[in-house]
Amino acid sequence: MKPLLLLANAFINTFGITQPTEAAAKRASQFIAVLIGLVLLVFLGVAGVGVYILMRH
């Protein structure tokens, strides 16, 4: 979770947001991890459908 905490803190510091508590920062990093996972799943799903369509024709 360290890289995700670093990413969350970079975002917070860039936009001048008030520093969150340790628990809120951890929650934010978990949220970022879930979003990254969802983006990867969508990307892999679209790629899978593309490969399926190409192989079908």
N, C-alpha and C. Protein backbone atom coordinates (compact mmCIF):
# COMPACT_ATOMS: atom_id res chain seq x y z
N MET A 1 0.81 -1.21 0.00
CA MET A 1 0.00 0.00 0.00
C MET A 1 0.85 1.27 0.00
N LYS A 2 2.13 1.15 0.23
CA LYS A 2 2.99 2.34 0.27
C LYS A 2 2.94 3.14 -1.03
N PRO A 3 3.06 2.49 -2.21
CA PRO A 3 3.00 3.29 -3.44
C PRO A 3 1.65 4.01 -3.60
N LEU A 4 0.58 3.36 -3.16
CA LEU A 4 -0.73 4.00 -3.26
C LEU A 4 -0.87 5.15 -2.28
N LEU A 5 -0.29 5.01 -1.09
CA LEU A 5 -0.29 6.12 -0.14
C LEU A 5 0.51 7.29 -0.69
N LEU A 6 1.63 6.98 -1.35
CA LEU A 6 2.44 8.02 -1.98
C LEU A 6 1.64 8.74 -3.06
N LEU A 7 0.91 7.98 -3.86
CA LEU A 7 0.07 8.56 -4.90
C LEU A 7 -1.04 9.43 -4.31
N ALA A 8 -1.69 8.95 -3.27
CA ALA A 8 -2.75 9.72 -2.63
C ALA A 8 -2.19 11.01 -2.03
N ASN A 9 -1.04 10.92 -1.37
CA ASN A 9 -0.44 12.11 -0.78
C ASN A 9 0.02 13.10 -1.85
N ALA A 10 0.51 12.61 -2.96
CA ALA A 10 0.92 13.50 -4.06
C ALA A 10 -0.30 14.26 -4.58
N PHE A 11 -1.41 13.58 -4.73
CA PHE A 11 -2.64 14.24 -5.19
C PHE A 11 -3.09 15.29 -4.18
N ILE A 12 -3.07 14.93 -2.92
CA ILE A 12 -3.50 15.84 -1.86
C ILE A 12 -2.61 17.08 -1.82
N ASN A 13 -1.31 16.87 -1.90
CA ASN A 13 -0.38 18.00 -1.85
C ASN A 13 -0.44 18.86 -3.11
N THR A 14 -0.67 18.25 -4.26
CA THR A 14 -0.73 19.00 -5.51
C THR A 14 -1.90 19.98 -5.51
N PHE A 15 -3.04 19.54 -5.03
CA PHE A 15 -4.24 20.36 -5.07
C PHE A 15 -4.49 21.13 -3.78
N GLY A 16 -3.57 21.05 -2.84
CA GLY A 16 -3.68 21.84 -1.61
C GLY A 16 -4.81 21.43 -0.70
N ILE A 17 -5.15 20.17 -0.74
CA ILE A 17 -6.21 19.66 0.13
C ILE A 17 -5.65 19.48 1.54
N THR A 18 -6.48 19.72 2.53
CA THR A 18 -6.07 19.54 3.93
C THR A 18 -5.61 18.10 4.14
N GLN A 19 -4.50 17.95 4.85
CA GLN A 19 -3.95 16.61 5.09
C GLN A 19 -4.95 15.76 5.87
N PRO A 20 -5.24 14.56 5.38
CA PRO A 20 -6.20 13.69 6.08
C PRO A 20 -5.53 12.97 7.24
N THR A 21 -6.35 12.36 8.05
CA THR A 21 -5.82 11.52 9.12
C THR A 21 -5.20 10.27 8.50
N GLU A 22 -4.49 9.51 9.30
CA GLU A 22 -3.84 8.29 8.80
C GLU A 22 -4.89 7.30 8.28
N ALA A 23 -6.00 7.18 9.00
CA ALA A 23 -7.06 6.26 8.57
C ALA A 23 -7.69 6.71 7.26
N ALA A 24 -7.91 8.00 7.10
CA ALA A 24 -8.49 8.51 5.86
C ALA A 24 -7.53 8.33 4.69
N ALA A 25 -6.24 8.50 4.93
CA ALA A 25 -5.25 8.29 3.87
C ALA A 25 -5.21 6.83 3.45
N LYS A 26 -5.32 5.93 4.41
CA LYS A 26 -5.34 4.50 4.08
C LYS A 26 -6.60 4.15 3.28
N ARG A 27 -7.73 4.73 3.67
CA ARG A 27 -8.98 4.50 2.95
C ARG A 27 -8.88 5.03 1.52
N ALA A 28 -8.25 6.18 1.35
CA ALA A 28 -8.07 6.75 0.02
C ALA A 28 -7.19 5.85 -0.84
N SER A 29 -6.14 5.29 -0.26
CA SER A 29 -5.26 4.41 -1.03
C SER A 29 -5.99 3.12 -1.42
N GLN A 30 -6.85 2.63 -0.56
CA GLN A 30 -7.65 1.45 -0.91
C GLN A 30 -8.63 1.77 -2.03
N PHE A 31 -9.22 2.94 -2.00
CA PHE A 31 -10.13 3.38 -3.04
C PHE A 31 -9.40 3.47 -4.38
N ILE A 32 -8.19 4.02 -4.36
CA ILE A 32 -7.38 4.11 -5.57
C ILE A 32 -7.06 2.72 -6.10
N ALA A 33 -6.74 1.79 -5.21
CA ALA A 33 -6.44 0.42 -5.63
C ALA A 33 -7.65 -0.23 -6.30
N VAL A 34 -8.83 -0.01 -5.76
CA VAL A 34 -10.04 -0.56 -6.35
C VAL A 34 -10.28 0.04 -7.73
N LEU A 35 -10.10 1.35 -7.86
CA LEU A 35 -10.30 1.99 -9.17
C LEU A 35 -9.32 1.47 -10.20
N ILE A 36 -8.05 1.32 -9.82
CA ILE A 36 -7.05 0.79 -10.75
C ILE A 36 -7.43 -0.64 -11.16
N GLY A 37 -7.87 -1.43 -10.20
CA GLY A 37 -8.30 -2.80 -10.51
C GLY A 37 -9.48 -2.83 -11.47
N LEU A 38 -10.45 -1.95 -11.27
CA LEU A 38 -11.60 -1.90 -12.16
C LEU A 38 -11.21 -1.47 -13.57
N VAL A 39 -10.32 -0.51 -13.67
CA VAL A 39 -9.85 -0.07 -14.99
C VAL A 39 -9.15 -1.23 -15.70
N LEU A 40 -8.32 -1.98 -14.98
CA LEU A 40 -7.65 -3.13 -15.59
C LEU A 40 -8.64 -4.20 -16.03
N LEU A 41 -9.65 -4.46 -15.23
CA LEU A 41 -10.66 -5.45 -15.60
C LEU A 41 -11.42 -5.03 -16.85
N VAL A 42 -11.79 -3.76 -16.93
CA VAL A 42 -12.50 -3.27 -18.11
C VAL A 42 -11.60 -3.37 -19.34
N PHE A 43 -10.33 -2.97 -19.19
CA PHE A 43 -9.39 -3.04 -20.30
C PHE A 43 -9.23 -4.48 -20.79
N LEU A 44 -9.05 -5.41 -19.85
CA LEU A 44 -8.89 -6.81 -20.23
C LEU A 44 -10.16 -7.38 -20.86
N GLY A 45 -11.31 -6.95 -20.37
CA GLY A 45 -12.58 -7.39 -20.95
C GLY A 45 -12.75 -6.92 -22.38
N VAL A 46 -12.43 -5.64 -22.63
CA VAL A 46 -12.53 -5.10 -23.98
C VAL A 46 -11.52 -5.79 -24.90
N ALA A 47 -10.32 -6.01 -24.41
CA ALA A 47 -9.31 -6.71 -25.21
C ALA A 47 -9.75 -8.14 -25.51
N GLY A 48 -10.33 -8.79 -24.53
CA GLY A 48 -10.82 -10.16 -24.73
C GLY A 48 -11.92 -10.22 -25.78
N VAL A 49 -12.85 -9.29 -25.73
CA VAL A 49 -13.91 -9.24 -26.73
C VAL A 49 -13.32 -8.96 -28.11
N GLY A 50 -12.35 -8.06 -28.18
CA GLY A 50 -11.69 -7.76 -29.45
C GLY A 50 -11.00 -8.97 -30.03
N VAL A 51 -10.27 -9.71 -29.21
CA VAL A 51 -9.61 -10.91 -29.68
C VAL A 51 -10.63 -11.96 -30.12
N TYR A 52 -11.70 -12.09 -29.38
CA TYR A 52 -12.75 -13.04 -29.75
C TYR A 52 -13.34 -12.70 -31.11
N ILE A 53 -13.63 -11.41 -31.32
CA ILE A 53 -14.20 -10.99 -32.62
C ILE A 53 -13.21 -11.23 -33.75
N LEU A 54 -11.95 -10.91 -33.53
CA LEU A 54 -10.94 -11.13 -34.57
C LEU A 54 -10.77 -12.61 -34.89
N MET A 55 -10.79 -13.46 -33.90
CA MET A 55 -10.59 -14.89 -34.13
C MET A 55 -11.82 -15.54 -34.76
N ARG A 56 -12.97 -14.94 -34.56
CA ARG A 56 -14.22 -15.50 -35.07
C ARG A 56 -14.35 -15.31 -36.57
N HIS A 57 -13.76 -14.23 -37.08
CA HIS A 57 -13.89 -13.95 -38.52
C HIS A 57 -12.74 -14.47 -39.28
